[in-house]
């Protein structure tokens, strides 16, 4: 059957509209495809950014933790001798006092004074005086055998050594070894009235931390023993024993 002119025109118009719609759809498909591609690129960029951000945060967190640890170490160490400082000693003694009190075990404390250090400083100068204190601190650290033995600078030319689980006998042995180790350094001390070399005076106290006692007693008695050693002529140790 032949198409009429009107039918032909209608068919052509319909075909053109269909073609137009197809082209529009194809264009939209291309745009959608491009949009999806852009979204994938954006997603990949976001993933890379997120990974880099997490990596940066992890690095900065690690750096912050490291910095905090360094600050903590600096806060607990003596800036000159690099052994523990007074604050660190107080904290360590307090913890050991509680622990050993529960276990009924002895805690010993050795107070140490560098003999005639003011004369040493005046004669050799502060720089060599500082070096002397550093060498003494290192020698005391090397003389001790256990990781729990604790060396600290108490102040000035005074040091303190905490010895957990240690009664008088071993504390005396530690004191003797410290004296021998420092004397072996043969640090000249021309202005000392008692020796040609740097020497130490040491006071020893040992206490089982019972409830009726206090940590201050341990520190006070070790300090008293050290002054007894100084009054007795220096370059020696003295023991303070609590009355029975």
Protein backbone atom coordinates (compact mmCIF):
# COMPACT_ATOMS: atom_id res chain seq x y z
CA UNK A 1 0.00 0.00 0.00
CA UNK A 2 1.41 3.32 -1.02
CA UNK A 3 2.00 5.95 1.65
CA UNK A 4 0.10 9.13 1.33
CA UNK A 5 1.98 12.37 1.40
CA UNK A 6 0.61 13.13 4.86
CA UNK A 7 1.60 9.71 6.19
CA UNK A 8 5.06 10.07 4.69
CA UNK A 9 5.48 13.45 6.31
CA UNK A 10 4.33 12.07 9.63
CA UNK A 11 6.74 9.14 9.35
CA UNK A 12 9.63 11.44 8.49
CA UNK A 13 8.84 13.77 11.38
CA UNK A 14 8.54 10.84 13.77
CA UNK A 15 11.84 9.42 12.54
CA UNK A 16 13.54 12.78 12.89
CA UNK A 17 12.20 13.15 16.43
CA UNK A 18 13.31 9.63 17.26
CA UNK A 19 16.77 10.37 15.83
CA UNK A 20 16.85 13.59 17.82
CA UNK A 21 15.88 11.72 20.97
CA UNK A 22 18.54 9.10 20.22
CA UNK A 23 21.17 11.81 19.79
CA UNK A 24 20.06 13.50 23.01
CA UNK A 25 20.22 10.18 24.86
CA UNK A 26 23.64 9.46 23.36
CA UNK A 27 24.85 12.88 24.37
CA UNK A 28 23.48 12.35 27.87
CA UNK A 29 25.12 8.93 27.96
CA UNK A 30 28.44 10.49 27.02
CA UNK A 31 27.99 13.20 29.63
CA UNK A 32 27.04 10.59 32.24
CA UNK A 33 30.04 8.48 31.27
CA UNK A 34 32.30 11.50 31.58
CA UNK A 35 30.72 12.34 34.92
CA UNK A 36 31.28 8.77 36.16
CA UNK A 37 34.87 8.91 34.96
CA UNK A 38 35.36 12.22 36.78
CA UNK A 39 33.76 10.76 39.90
CA UNK A 40 36.11 7.77 39.76
CA UNK A 41 39.08 10.10 39.39
CA UNK A 42 37.79 12.20 42.28
CA UNK A 43 37.24 9.07 44.36
CA UNK A 44 40.78 7.91 43.60
CA UNK A 45 42.15 11.33 44.48
CA UNK A 46 40.15 11.31 47.72
CA UNK A 47 41.51 7.85 48.55
CA UNK A 48 45.07 9.01 47.88
CA UNK A 49 44.45 12.15 49.91
CA UNK A 50 42.96 10.10 52.75
CA UNK A 51 45.94 7.72 52.69
CA UNK A 52 48.42 10.59 52.66
CA UNK A 53 46.49 12.31 55.43
CA UNK A 54 46.50 9.14 57.56
CA UNK A 55 50.20 8.69 56.86
CA UNK A 56 50.91 12.30 57.84
CA UNK A 57 48.82 11.97 61.00
CA UNK A 58 50.61 8.71 61.89
CA UNK A 59 54.02 10.32 61.36
CA UNK A 60 53.12 13.41 63.37
CA UNK A 61 51.61 11.27 66.14
CA UNK A 62 54.80 9.20 66.29
CA UNK A 63 56.89 12.38 66.29
CA UNK A 64 54.72 13.83 69.07
CA UNK A 65 55.05 10.66 71.15
CA UNK A 66 58.80 10.68 70.60
CA UNK A 67 58.97 14.34 71.60
CA UNK A 68 56.89 13.65 74.71
CA UNK A 69 59.18 10.76 75.65
CA UNK A 70 62.22 12.98 75.19
CA UNK A 71 60.63 15.71 77.28
CA UNK A 72 59.79 13.15 79.95
CA UNK A 73 63.38 11.86 79.95
CA UNK A 74 64.68 15.42 80.14
CA UNK A 75 62.34 16.13 83.03
CA UNK A 76 63.61 13.07 84.90
CA UNK A 77 67.34 13.39 84.14
CA UNK A 78 69.96 15.69 85.59
CA UNK A 79 71.04 17.97 82.76
CA UNK A 80 74.74 17.79 83.65
CA UNK A 81 75.48 14.23 84.70
CA UNK A 82 72.67 12.50 82.74
CA UNK A 83 71.76 10.32 85.70
CA UNK A 84 68.34 10.65 87.35
CA UNK A 85 67.50 13.94 89.02
CA UNK A 86 66.04 14.58 92.47
CA UNK A 87 62.47 14.49 91.21
CA UNK A 88 63.02 11.12 89.58
CA UNK A 89 64.67 9.78 92.73
CA UNK A 90 61.74 10.87 94.91
CA UNK A 91 59.32 9.15 92.56
CA UNK A 92 61.39 5.96 92.43
CA UNK A 93 61.85 5.77 96.20
CA UNK A 94 58.15 6.31 96.79
CA UNK A 95 57.18 3.46 94.44
CA UNK A 96 59.81 1.11 95.87
CA UNK A 97 58.79 1.99 99.43
CA UNK A 98 55.21 0.92 98.70
CA UNK A 99 56.24 -2.23 96.81
CA UNK A 100 58.82 -3.42 99.32
CA UNK A 101 56.50 -2.60 102.20
CA UNK A 102 53.96 -5.03 100.77
CA UNK A 103 56.63 -7.71 100.37
CA UNK A 104 58.41 -6.98 103.65
CA UNK A 105 61.71 -6.59 101.80
CA UNK A 106 64.53 -4.11 102.63
CA UNK A 107 65.27 -0.90 100.80
CA UNK A 108 68.73 0.61 101.11
CA UNK A 109 69.82 4.13 100.33
CA UNK A 110 73.40 5.36 99.94
CA UNK A 111 74.02 9.09 100.10
CA UNK A 112 77.27 10.17 98.45
CA UNK A 113 79.25 13.40 98.72
CA UNK A 114 82.33 14.30 96.67
CA UNK A 115 84.97 15.23 99.24
CA UNK A 116 86.14 18.86 99.25
CA UNK A 117 84.44 19.56 95.95
CA UNK A 118 84.35 23.32 96.54
CA UNK A 119 88.14 23.30 96.80
CA UNK A 120 88.25 21.26 93.59
CA UNK A 121 85.98 23.71 91.81
CA UNK A 122 87.91 26.76 93.02
CA UNK A 123 91.25 25.27 91.99
CA UNK A 124 90.40 23.60 88.67
CA UNK A 125 87.48 25.75 87.56
CA UNK A 126 83.80 25.00 87.03
CA UNK A 127 84.28 23.28 83.66
CA UNK A 128 86.58 20.63 85.11
CA UNK A 129 84.34 20.54 88.18
CA UNK A 130 81.41 19.62 85.95
CA UNK A 131 83.53 16.95 84.23
CA UNK A 132 84.43 15.55 87.64
CA UNK A 133 80.77 15.19 88.62
CA UNK A 134 79.97 13.51 85.31
CA UNK A 135 82.80 11.00 85.77
CA UNK A 136 81.71 10.24 89.32
CA UNK A 137 78.12 9.70 88.19
CA UNK A 138 79.23 7.40 85.38
CA UNK A 139 81.54 5.45 87.69
CA UNK A 140 78.76 4.89 90.22
CA UNK A 141 76.41 3.72 87.49
CA UNK A 142 79.01 1.28 86.17
CA UNK A 143 79.77 -0.01 89.66
CA UNK A 144 76.20 -1.17 90.23
CA UNK A 145 75.18 -4.59 89.00
CA UNK A 146 71.39 -4.68 88.80
CA UNK A 147 68.96 -2.77 86.59
CA UNK A 148 66.87 -1.90 89.66
CA UNK A 149 69.78 -0.09 91.34
CA UNK A 150 69.11 3.60 90.87
CA UNK A 151 71.68 6.42 90.72
CA UNK A 152 70.53 10.04 91.01
CA UNK A 153 72.09 13.43 91.50
CA UNK A 154 70.68 14.69 94.77
CA UNK A 155 71.98 18.23 94.42
CA UNK A 156 75.31 19.99 93.96
CA UNK A 157 78.08 17.42 94.55
CA UNK A 158 75.74 15.00 96.34
CA UNK A 159 74.36 11.82 94.83
CA UNK A 160 71.94 9.17 96.06
CA UNK A 161 71.75 5.48 95.21
CA UNK A 162 68.58 3.47 95.83
CA UNK A 163 69.03 -0.29 96.22
CA UNK A 164 65.73 -2.22 96.36
CA UNK A 165 65.66 -5.71 97.90
CA UNK A 166 68.96 -4.87 99.59
CA UNK A 167 69.96 -5.14 103.24
CA UNK A 168 73.03 -3.64 104.92
CA UNK A 169 75.54 -6.31 103.84
CA UNK A 170 75.00 -5.85 100.13
CA UNK A 171 74.65 -2.08 100.51
CA UNK A 172 78.10 -1.99 102.12
CA UNK A 173 79.48 -4.08 99.26
CA UNK A 174 77.98 -1.63 96.75
CA UNK A 175 79.47 1.33 98.66
CA UNK A 176 82.93 -0.25 98.69
CA UNK A 177 82.75 -0.98 94.96
CA UNK A 178 81.67 2.59 94.23
CA UNK A 179 84.60 3.97 96.23
CA UNK A 180 87.04 1.65 94.48
CA UNK A 181 85.66 2.48 91.04
CA UNK A 182 85.92 6.25 91.60
CA UNK A 183 89.42 5.94 93.09
CA UNK A 184 90.51 3.92 90.04
CA UNK A 185 89.77 6.95 87.87
CA UNK A 186 92.64 8.75 89.62
CA UNK A 187 91.15 12.19 89.13
CA UNK A 188 93.77 14.53 90.58
CA UNK A 189 92.66 16.68 93.53
CA UNK A 190 95.69 18.73 94.55
CA UNK A 191 93.81 20.81 97.12
CA UNK A 192 92.29 17.87 99.00
CA UNK A 193 93.68 17.60 102.55
CA UNK A 194 93.16 13.82 102.62
CA UNK A 195 94.14 12.44 99.21
CA UNK A 196 95.85 13.23 95.92
CA UNK A 197 92.75 11.96 94.14
CA UNK A 198 89.02 12.63 94.18
CA UNK A 199 87.37 10.68 97.01
CA UNK A 200 83.87 10.13 98.35
CA UNK A 201 82.06 10.10 101.68
CA UNK A 202 79.11 7.73 101.82
CA UNK A 203 76.25 7.15 104.24
CA UNK A 204 74.26 3.93 104.22
CA UNK A 205 70.80 3.24 105.60
CA UNK A 206 68.66 0.14 105.11
CA UNK A 207 65.04 -0.21 106.20
CA UNK A 208 62.19 -2.67 105.70
CA UNK A 209 59.28 -0.29 104.96
CA UNK A 210 56.96 -1.17 107.82
CA UNK A 211 53.67 0.72 108.33
CA UNK A 212 54.97 2.58 111.38
CA UNK A 213 57.97 3.92 109.43
CA UNK A 214 58.20 6.57 106.72
CA UNK A 215 60.31 7.12 103.65
CA UNK A 216 61.65 10.33 105.18
CA UNK A 217 63.37 8.24 107.86
CA UNK A 218 65.34 6.33 105.22
CA UNK A 219 66.52 9.55 103.57
CA UNK A 220 67.28 11.28 106.86
CA UNK A 221 69.27 8.38 108.32
CA UNK A 222 71.32 7.88 105.13
CA UNK A 223 72.07 11.60 105.15
CA UNK A 224 73.11 11.46 108.80
CA UNK A 225 75.41 8.52 108.09
CA UNK A 226 77.03 10.46 105.24
CA UNK A 227 77.77 13.40 107.55
CA UNK A 228 79.21 10.98 110.10
CA UNK A 229 81.57 9.75 107.37
CA UNK A 230 82.59 13.35 106.63
CA UNK A 231 83.12 14.18 110.29
CA UNK A 232 85.19 11.02 110.73
CA UNK A 233 87.68 12.19 108.13
CA UNK A 234 85.99 11.56 104.74
CA UNK A 235 87.00 9.00 102.10
CA UNK A 236 84.95 6.34 103.87
CA UNK A 237 81.45 5.09 104.48
CA UNK A 238 79.33 4.98 107.60
CA UNK A 239 76.25 2.91 108.38
CA UNK A 240 73.18 4.14 110.17
CA UNK A 241 71.27 1.39 111.90
CA UNK A 242 67.89 1.92 113.44
CA UNK A 243 67.70 0.97 117.10
CA UNK A 244 66.01 -2.34 117.78
